[in-house]
C-alpha cells in the first residue's frame, strides 16, 4: 500500500529534510513540498492526499488552523505535525493528529510516525467482517495511537468533559481517550452495552447486582439516571 503525502513547512531546511525522508520511505509517495498552509489547501482540493507532514507555526494560516479546516471533510487526510514547539501537543491531539514530531527529529522517529499512518490506512481499508462472538473488538485512540480493546474486556465506560475513561477487567487503570460517550455508544452493540446515566455506559454481562436505582459492577456502584430507567428496567425484568 502506498500513501500519497505532502510536506508543508515555511522553513526551507526543514521542508527539505522531511521531503528527503518521504522520498526514501518505500510506502510514501511525495506529491508536493509546500511552504505554506494556503498552498497546501489548494493541493488538497485537487489531489487525493492520504497524509500531511505539517508544520504548525506558519504565517497567514497555521497548521492547527488548517487541520480544523480539514476536519469537516468526509475523507480527510491524516496529519503528522512537525514542529519545534511542544506546547502545541494538546492542540494537535484535539484536532485528531496521528502523531507529533518535535524538531529536530531523525529518520527513525519519522519512520515510526509514518508507519502509524500506514497501519491506520490498512485498518480502514480492511474489508468488513461479520461480527464474531467472543473476539469482537473496537479501536480506541489513546494519545497518538489506536489501541485495540476487546469488547468482553470492558467493564464500563465513564464520560468526562472532553474524555472518556474505559475501565477494563484486564487492567487496574482505565484507558483515557479524547472522544465522547455518545460516539462510543453508537459503536457499541445495544445487545451487550447500555447507557444507564449521562456519564456511564455499562457492559450488561459484567453487572453483578441491581437495585431499583443502582447497579453494581465489581466494587463500583453506578446510579441509573432518570431518563434511562425505562430501558434499564426492561433489561432487569428479564433477570427474573
C-alpha atoms as a PDB file:
ATOM      1  CA  UNK A   1       0.000   0.000   0.000  1.00  0.00           C
ATOM      2  CA  UNK A   2       1.262   3.470  -0.963  1.00  0.00           C
ATOM      3  CA  UNK A   3       0.322   6.669   0.861  1.00  0.00           C
ATOM      4  CA  UNK A   4       0.208   9.904  -1.131  1.00  0.00           C
ATOM      5  CA  UNK A   5       1.554  12.678   1.051  1.00  0.00           C
ATOM      6  CA  UNK A   6       2.706  16.289   1.075  1.00  0.00           C
ATOM      7  CA  UNK A   7       5.213  18.142   3.240  1.00  0.00           C
ATOM      8  CA  UNK A   8       4.310  21.635   4.456  1.00  0.00           C
ATOM      9  CA  UNK A   9       6.824  23.914   6.187  1.00  0.00           C
ATOM     10  CA  UNK A  10       7.828  27.561   5.750  1.00  0.00           C
ATOM     11  CA  UNK A  11      11.441  26.791   6.707  1.00  0.00           C
ATOM     12  CA  UNK A  12      13.348  25.588   3.590  1.00  0.00           C
ATOM     13  CA  UNK A  13      15.796  23.381   5.521  1.00  0.00           C
ATOM     14  CA  UNK A  14      13.033  21.661   7.496  1.00  0.00           C
ATOM     15  CA  UNK A  15      10.954  21.223   4.334  1.00  0.00           C
ATOM     16  CA  UNK A  16      13.920  19.696   2.522  1.00  0.00           C
ATOM     17  CA  UNK A  17      14.605  17.260   5.361  1.00  0.00           C
ATOM     18  CA  UNK A  18      11.032  15.998   5.610  1.00  0.00           C
ATOM     19  CA  UNK A  19      10.806  15.719   1.821  1.00  0.00           C
ATOM     20  CA  UNK A  20      14.006  13.638   1.706  1.00  0.00           C
ATOM     21  CA  UNK A  21      12.683  11.379   4.485  1.00  0.00           C
ATOM     22  CA  UNK A  22       9.477  10.845   2.488  1.00  0.00           C
ATOM     23  CA  UNK A  23      11.386  10.039  -0.696  1.00  0.00           C
ATOM     24  CA  UNK A  24      13.474   7.342   0.996  1.00  0.00           C
ATOM     25  CA  UNK A  25      10.411   5.644   2.554  1.00  0.00           C
ATOM     26  CA  UNK A  26       9.078   2.927   0.185  1.00  0.00           C
ATOM     27  CA  UNK A  27       5.400   3.230   1.135  1.00  0.00           C
ATOM     28  CA  UNK A  28       5.261   7.048   0.862  1.00  0.00           C
ATOM     29  CA  UNK A  29       4.732   8.949  -2.380  1.00  0.00           C
ATOM     30  CA  UNK A  30       5.639  12.652  -2.232  1.00  0.00           C
ATOM     31  CA  UNK A  31       3.005  14.648  -4.117  1.00  0.00           C
ATOM     32  CA  UNK A  32       4.217  18.087  -3.117  1.00  0.00           C
ATOM     33  CA  UNK A  33       6.583  20.123  -0.963  1.00  0.00           C
ATOM     34  CA  UNK A  34       4.911  23.367   0.034  1.00  0.00           C
ATOM     35  CA  UNK A  35       5.960  26.424   2.035  1.00  0.00           C
ATOM     36  CA  UNK A  36       2.533  27.473   3.333  1.00  0.00           C
ATOM     37  CA  UNK A  37      -0.748  26.001   4.556  1.00  0.00           C
ATOM     38  CA  UNK A  38      -2.616  28.056   1.965  1.00  0.00           C
ATOM     39  CA  UNK A  39      -0.664  26.353  -0.837  1.00  0.00           C
ATOM     40  CA  UNK A  40      -1.348  23.011   0.822  1.00  0.00           C
ATOM     41  CA  UNK A  41      -5.083  23.681   0.833  1.00  0.00           C
ATOM     42  CA  UNK A  42      -5.025  24.220  -2.930  1.00  0.00           C
ATOM     43  CA  UNK A  43      -3.223  20.918  -3.481  1.00  0.00           C
ATOM     44  CA  UNK A  44      -5.632  19.100  -1.161  1.00  0.00           C
ATOM     45  CA  UNK A  45      -8.543  20.368  -3.246  1.00  0.00           C
ATOM     46  CA  UNK A  46      -7.006  18.934  -6.437  1.00  0.00           C
ATOM     47  CA  UNK A  47      -5.186  15.801  -5.300  1.00  0.00           C
ATOM     48  CA  UNK A  48      -6.077  12.632  -3.392  1.00  0.00           C
ATOM     49  CA  UNK A  49      -3.771  13.017  -0.375  1.00  0.00           C
ATOM     50  CA  UNK A  50      -3.606  10.456   2.432  1.00  0.00           C
ATOM     51  CA  UNK A  51      -1.101  12.113   4.756  1.00  0.00           C
ATOM     52  CA  UNK A  52       0.272  15.571   5.633  1.00  0.00           C
ATOM     53  CA  UNK A  53       3.560  16.251   7.349  1.00  0.00           C
ATOM     54  CA  UNK A  54       2.569  19.671   8.631  1.00  0.00           C
ATOM     55  CA  UNK A  55       4.452  22.439  10.412  1.00  0.00           C
ATOM     56  CA  UNK A  56       2.412  24.468  12.928  1.00  0.00           C
ATOM     57  CA  UNK A  57       3.966  27.929  13.162  1.00  0.00           C
ATOM     58  CA  UNK A  58       3.362  29.436   9.692  1.00  0.00           C
ATOM     59  CA  UNK A  59       2.099  32.857   8.538  1.00  0.00           C
ATOM     60  CA  UNK A  60      -1.457  33.556   7.305  1.00  0.00           C
ATOM     61  CA  UNK A  61      -2.808  30.070   8.088  1.00  0.00           C
ATOM     62  CA  UNK A  62      -1.022  27.930  10.664  1.00  0.00           C
ATOM     63  CA  UNK A  63      -1.003  24.142  10.859  1.00  0.00           C
ATOM     64  CA  UNK A  64      -3.626  23.877  13.612  1.00  0.00           C
ATOM     65  CA  UNK A  65      -5.988  26.144  11.666  1.00  0.00           C
ATOM     66  CA  UNK A  66      -5.518  24.070   8.511  1.00  0.00           C
ATOM     67  CA  UNK A  67      -6.270  20.902  10.490  1.00  0.00           C
ATOM     68  CA  UNK A  68      -9.535  22.447  11.704  1.00  0.00           C
ATOM     69  CA  UNK A  69     -10.492  23.343   8.127  1.00  0.00           C
ATOM     70  CA  UNK A  70      -9.836  19.766   7.007  1.00  0.00           C
ATOM     71  CA  UNK A  71     -11.729  18.271   9.947  1.00  0.00           C
ATOM     72  CA  UNK A  72     -15.086  18.858   8.242  1.00  0.00           C
ATOM     73  CA  UNK A  73     -14.144  16.748   5.217  1.00  0.00           C
ATOM     74  CA  UNK A  74     -15.513  13.233   4.868  1.00  0.00           C
ATOM     75  CA  UNK A  75     -12.280  11.693   3.587  1.00  0.00           C
ATOM     76  CA  UNK A  76      -9.866  13.960   5.385  1.00  0.00           C
ATOM     77  CA  UNK A  77      -6.138  13.194   5.192  1.00  0.00           C
ATOM     78  CA  UNK A  78      -4.325  12.204   8.364  1.00  0.00           C
ATOM     79  CA  UNK A  79      -1.873  14.695   9.852  1.00  0.00           C
ATOM     80  CA  UNK A  80       1.539  14.293  11.431  1.00  0.00           C
ATOM     81  CA  UNK A  81       2.660  17.606  12.928  1.00  0.00           C
ATOM     82  CA  UNK A  82       6.324  18.584  12.662  1.00  0.00           C
ATOM     83  CA  UNK A  83       7.152  21.478  14.967  1.00  0.00           C
ATOM     84  CA  UNK A  84       9.811  22.921  17.229  1.00  0.00           C
ATOM     85  CA  UNK A  85       7.243  23.850  19.900  1.00  0.00           C
ATOM     86  CA  UNK A  86       5.994  21.209  22.330  1.00  0.00           C
ATOM     87  CA  UNK A  87       3.274  23.491  23.757  1.00  0.00           C
ATOM     88  CA  UNK A  88       1.066  22.626  20.768  1.00  0.00           C
ATOM     89  CA  UNK A  89       0.873  18.917  21.647  1.00  0.00           C
ATOM     90  CA  UNK A  90      -2.566  19.188  23.271  1.00  0.00           C
ATOM     91  CA  UNK A  91      -3.942  21.216  20.356  1.00  0.00           C
ATOM     92  CA  UNK A  92      -2.578  18.603  17.993  1.00  0.00           C
ATOM     93  CA  UNK A  93      -4.386  15.907  19.948  1.00  0.00           C
ATOM     94  CA  UNK A  94      -7.659  17.834  19.848  1.00  0.00           C
ATOM     95  CA  UNK A  95      -7.600  18.066  16.056  1.00  0.00           C
ATOM     96  CA  UNK A  96      -7.062  14.292  15.872  1.00  0.00           C
ATOM     97  CA  UNK A  97      -3.461  14.385  14.657  1.00  0.00           C
ATOM     98  CA  UNK A  98      -1.956  10.969  14.065  1.00  0.00           C
ATOM     99  CA  UNK A  99       1.396  11.931  15.591  1.00  0.00           C
ATOM    100  CA  UNK A 100       3.513  14.876  16.719  1.00  0.00           C
ATOM    101  CA  UNK A 101       7.188  15.053  15.750  1.00  0.00           C
ATOM    102  CA  UNK A 102       9.247  17.532  17.734  1.00  0.00           C
ATOM    103  CA  UNK A 103      12.105  19.125  15.806  1.00  0.00           C
ATOM    104  CA  UNK A 104      14.851  18.157  15.445  1.00  0.00           C
ATOM    105  CA  UNK A 105      13.826  14.567  14.744  1.00  0.00           C
ATOM    106  CA  UNK A 106      15.723  11.812  12.967  1.00  0.00           C
ATOM    107  CA  UNK A 107      14.653   9.318  10.319  1.00  0.00           C
ATOM    108  CA  UNK A 108      13.900   6.587  12.871  1.00  0.00           C
ATOM    109  CA  UNK A 109      11.372   8.844  14.630  1.00  0.00           C
ATOM    110  CA  UNK A 110       9.936   9.912  11.274  1.00  0.00           C
ATOM    111  CA  UNK A 111       9.559   6.302  10.151  1.00  0.00           C
ATOM    112  CA  UNK A 112       7.717   5.279  13.324  1.00  0.00           C
ATOM    113  CA  UNK A 113       5.197   8.070  12.758  1.00  0.00           C
ATOM    114  CA  UNK A 114       4.814   7.165   9.069  1.00  0.00           C
ATOM    115  CA  UNK A 115       4.209   3.511   9.966  1.00  0.00           C
ATOM    116  CA  UNK A 116       1.321   4.601  12.197  1.00  0.00           C
ATOM    117  CA  UNK A 117      -0.246   6.236   9.160  1.00  0.00           C
ATOM    118  CA  UNK A 118       0.262   3.081   7.099  1.00  0.00           C
ATOM    119  CA  UNK A 119      -1.326   0.874   9.771  1.00  0.00           C
ATOM    120  CA  UNK A 120      -4.258   3.267  10.044  1.00  0.00           C
ATOM    121  CA  UNK A 121      -4.816   3.175   6.263  1.00  0.00           C
ATOM    122  CA  UNK A 122      -4.639  -0.619   6.217  1.00  0.00           C
ATOM    123  CA  UNK A 123      -7.125  -0.769   9.077  1.00  0.00           C
ATOM    124  CA  UNK A 124      -9.778   1.431   7.470  1.00  0.00           C
ATOM    125  CA  UNK A 125      -9.379  -0.359   4.118  1.00  0.00           C
ATOM    126  CA  UNK A 126      -9.761  -3.803   5.646  1.00  0.00           C
ATOM    127  CA  UNK A 127     -12.934  -5.497   4.349  1.00  0.00           C
ATOM    128  CA  UNK A 128     -15.772  -5.585   6.857  1.00  0.00           C
ATOM    129  CA  UNK A 129     -16.253  -8.916   8.567  1.00  0.00           C
ATOM    130  CA  UNK A 130     -19.257 -10.487  10.156  1.00  0.00           C
ATOM    131  CA  UNK A 131     -19.388  -9.811  13.918  1.00  0.00           C
ATOM    132  CA  UNK A 132     -17.843 -12.565  15.996  1.00  0.00           C
ATOM    133  CA  UNK A 133     -18.967 -13.938  19.324  1.00  0.00           C
ATOM    134  CA  UNK A 134     -16.100 -13.608  21.780  1.00  0.00           C
ATOM    135  CA  UNK A 135     -13.317 -11.818  19.914  1.00  0.00           C
ATOM    136  CA  UNK A 136     -15.132  -8.652  18.893  1.00  0.00           C
ATOM    137  CA  UNK A 137     -13.162  -5.505  19.486  1.00  0.00           C
ATOM    138  CA  UNK A 138     -13.041  -1.813  18.722  1.00  0.00           C
ATOM    139  CA  UNK A 139     -10.174   0.601  18.241  1.00  0.00           C
ATOM    140  CA  UNK A 140      -9.817   3.478  20.694  1.00  0.00           C
ATOM    141  CA  UNK A 141      -7.499   6.423  20.183  1.00  0.00           C
ATOM    142  CA  UNK A 142      -5.258   6.701  23.238  1.00  0.00           C
ATOM    143  CA  UNK A 143      -2.772   9.560  22.973  1.00  0.00           C
ATOM    144  CA  UNK A 144      -1.348   9.243  19.453  1.00  0.00           C
ATOM    145  CA  UNK A 145      -2.124   5.606  18.720  1.00  0.00           C
ATOM    146  CA  UNK A 146      -5.073   3.314  18.129  1.00  0.00           C
ATOM    147  CA  UNK A 147      -5.461   0.672  20.824  1.00  0.00           C
ATOM    148  CA  UNK A 148      -7.465  -2.487  20.175  1.00  0.00           C
ATOM    149  CA  UNK A 149      -9.885  -3.216  23.015  1.00  0.00           C
ATOM    150  CA  UNK A 150     -11.792  -6.486  23.276  1.00  0.00           C
ATOM    151  CA  UNK A 151     -15.463  -5.836  23.992  1.00  0.00           C
ATOM    152  CA  UNK A 152     -15.625  -8.665  26.502  1.00  0.00           C
ATOM    153  CA  UNK A 153     -12.827  -6.952  28.474  1.00  0.00           C
ATOM    154  CA  UNK A 154     -14.824  -3.766  29.061  1.00  0.00           C
ATOM    155  CA  UNK A 155     -16.466  -3.315  32.468  1.00  0.00           C
ATOM    156  CA  UNK A 156     -17.909   0.146  31.981  1.00  0.00           C
ATOM    157  CA  UNK A 157     -17.145   3.471  30.324  1.00  0.00           C
ATOM    158  CA  UNK A 158     -17.166   6.738  32.232  1.00  0.00           C
ATOM    159  CA  UNK A 159     -17.696  10.037  30.427  1.00  0.00           C
ATOM    160  CA  UNK A 160     -15.812  13.157  31.497  1.00  0.00           C
ATOM    161  CA  UNK A 161     -15.969  16.640  29.972  1.00  0.00           C
ATOM    162  CA  UNK A 162     -13.804  16.056  26.886  1.00  0.00           C
ATOM    163  CA  UNK A 163     -12.650  12.496  27.516  1.00  0.00           C
ATOM    164  CA  UNK A 164     -13.862   9.021  28.404  1.00  0.00           C
ATOM    165  CA  UNK A 165     -12.349   6.500  30.795  1.00  0.00           C
ATOM    166  CA  UNK A 166     -12.668   2.875  29.651  1.00  0.00           C
ATOM    167  CA  UNK A 167     -12.412   0.532  32.630  1.00  0.00           C
ATOM    168  CA  UNK A 168     -11.228  -2.975  31.793  1.00  0.00           C
ATOM    169  CA  UNK A 169     -11.147  -6.323  33.562  1.00  0.00           C
ATOM    170  CA  UNK A 170      -7.552  -6.821  32.500  1.00  0.00           C
ATOM    171  CA  UNK A 171      -6.073  -3.526  33.737  1.00  0.00           C
ATOM    172  CA  UNK A 172      -6.130  -1.669  37.075  1.00  0.00           C
ATOM    173  CA  UNK A 173      -6.106   1.742  35.372  1.00  0.00           C
ATOM    174  CA  UNK A 174      -8.563   2.913  32.713  1.00  0.00           C
ATOM    175  CA  UNK A 175      -7.758   3.859  29.138  1.00  0.00           C
ATOM    176  CA  UNK A 176      -8.189   7.600  28.621  1.00  0.00           C
ATOM    177  CA  UNK A 177      -9.429   8.719  25.196  1.00  0.00           C
ATOM    178  CA  UNK A 178     -10.360  12.069  23.711  1.00  0.00           C
ATOM    179  CA  UNK A 179     -13.838  11.172  22.472  1.00  0.00           C
ATOM    180  CA  UNK A 180     -17.430  11.424  23.641  1.00  0.00           C
ATOM    181  CA  UNK A 181     -19.664   8.916  25.373  1.00  0.00           C
ATOM    182  CA  UNK A 182     -22.213   9.391  22.576  1.00  0.00           C
ATOM    183  CA  UNK A 183     -19.643   8.486  19.911  1.00  0.00           C
ATOM    184  CA  UNK A 184     -18.798   5.244  21.729  1.00  0.00           C
ATOM    185  CA  UNK A 185     -22.457   4.464  22.378  1.00  0.00           C
ATOM    186  CA  UNK A 186     -23.050   4.493  18.611  1.00  0.00           C
ATOM    187  CA  UNK A 187     -20.227   1.976  18.070  1.00  0.00           C
ATOM    188  CA  UNK A 188     -21.259  -0.480  20.791  1.00  0.00           C
ATOM    189  CA  UNK A 189     -23.893  -3.173  20.434  1.00  0.00           C
ATOM    190  CA  UNK A 190     -27.068  -2.421  22.408  1.00  0.00           C
ATOM    191  CA  UNK A 191     -27.298  -6.171  22.957  1.00  0.00           C
ATOM    192  CA  UNK A 192     -24.169  -6.034  25.132  1.00  0.00           C
ATOM    193  CA  UNK A 193     -23.878  -2.438  26.348  1.00  0.00           C
ATOM    194  CA  UNK A 194     -26.329   0.087  27.779  1.00  0.00           C
ATOM    195  CA  UNK A 195     -26.218   3.776  28.597  1.00  0.00           C
ATOM    196  CA  UNK A 196     -27.551   3.973  32.159  1.00  0.00           C
ATOM    197  CA  UNK A 197     -26.528   7.504  33.051  1.00  0.00           C
ATOM    198  CA  UNK A 198     -25.414  10.595  31.174  1.00  0.00           C
ATOM    199  CA  UNK A 199     -21.887   9.737  32.390  1.00  0.00           C
ATOM    200  CA  UNK A 200     -21.873   5.920  32.163  1.00  0.00           C
ATOM    201  CA  UNK A 201     -22.176   3.082  29.670  1.00  0.00           C
ATOM    202  CA  UNK A 202     -22.021  -0.385  31.226  1.00  0.00           C
ATOM    203  CA  UNK A 203     -21.355  -3.874  29.926  1.00  0.00           C
ATOM    204  CA  UNK A 204     -24.521  -5.838  30.635  1.00  0.00           C
ATOM    205  CA  UNK A 205     -22.542  -9.060  31.033  1.00  0.00           C
ATOM    206  CA  UNK A 206     -20.469  -7.524  33.840  1.00  0.00           C
ATOM    207  CA  UNK A 207     -23.348  -6.451  36.111  1.00  0.00           C
ATOM    208  CA  UNK A 208     -23.191  -8.321  39.434  1.00  0.00           C
ATOM    209  CA  UNK A 209     -26.342  -6.995  41.094  1.00  0.00           C
ATOM    210  CA  UNK A 210     -29.059  -4.378  40.667  1.00  0.00           C
ATOM    211  CA  UNK A 211     -31.451  -2.387  42.797  1.00  0.00           C
ATOM    212  CA  UNK A 212     -34.227  -0.063  41.743  1.00  0.00           C
ATOM    213  CA  UNK A 213     -31.874   2.873  41.091  1.00  0.00           C
ATOM    214  CA  UNK A 214     -28.348   1.427  41.011  1.00  0.00           C
ATOM    215  CA  UNK A 215     -26.288  -1.397  39.622  1.00  0.00           C
ATOM    216  CA  UNK A 216     -23.031  -2.927  40.783  1.00  0.00           C
ATOM    217  CA  UNK A 217     -20.020  -3.962  38.691  1.00  0.00           C
ATOM    218  CA  UNK A 218     -17.283  -5.386  40.884  1.00  0.00           C
ATOM    219  CA  UNK A 219     -16.865  -2.946  43.773  1.00  0.00           C
ATOM    220  CA  UNK A 220     -18.389   0.001  41.888  1.00  0.00           C
ATOM    221  CA  UNK A 221     -21.963   1.181  42.337  1.00  0.00           C
ATOM    222  CA  UNK A 222     -23.399   3.164  39.413  1.00  0.00           C
ATOM    223  CA  UNK A 223     -26.612   5.170  39.592  1.00  0.00           C
ATOM    224  CA  UNK A 224     -29.224   4.750  36.882  1.00  0.00           C
ATOM    225  CA  UNK A 225     -30.286   8.130  35.506  1.00  0.00           C
ATOM    226  CA  UNK A 226     -33.949   9.058  35.350  1.00  0.00           C
ATOM    227  CA  UNK A 227     -34.130   9.160  31.552  1.00  0.00           C
ATOM    228  CA  UNK A 228     -32.525   5.701  31.291  1.00  0.00           C
ATOM    229  CA  UNK A 229     -34.664   3.881  33.856  1.00  0.00           C
ATOM    230  CA  UNK A 230     -37.298   2.528  31.465  1.00  0.00           C
ATOM    231  CA  UNK A 231     -34.723   0.846  29.238  1.00  0.00           C
ATOM    232  CA  UNK A 232     -32.807  -0.468  32.229  1.00  0.00           C
ATOM    233  CA  UNK A 233     -35.931  -1.797  33.935  1.00  0.00           C
ATOM    234  CA  UNK A 234     -36.750  -3.595  30.691  1.00  0.00           C
ATOM    235  CA  UNK A 235     -33.380  -5.280  30.892  1.00  0.00           C
ATOM    236  CA  UNK A 236     -33.583  -6.328  34.548  1.00  0.00           C
ATOM    237  CA  UNK A 237     -37.117  -7.648  34.105  1.00  0.00           C
ATOM    238  CA  UNK A 238     -35.501 -10.488  32.143  1.00  0.00           C
ATOM    239  CA  UNK A 239     -33.470 -11.469  35.218  1.00  0.00           C
ATOM    240  CA  UNK A 240     -36.484 -12.809  36.997  1.00  0.00           C
END
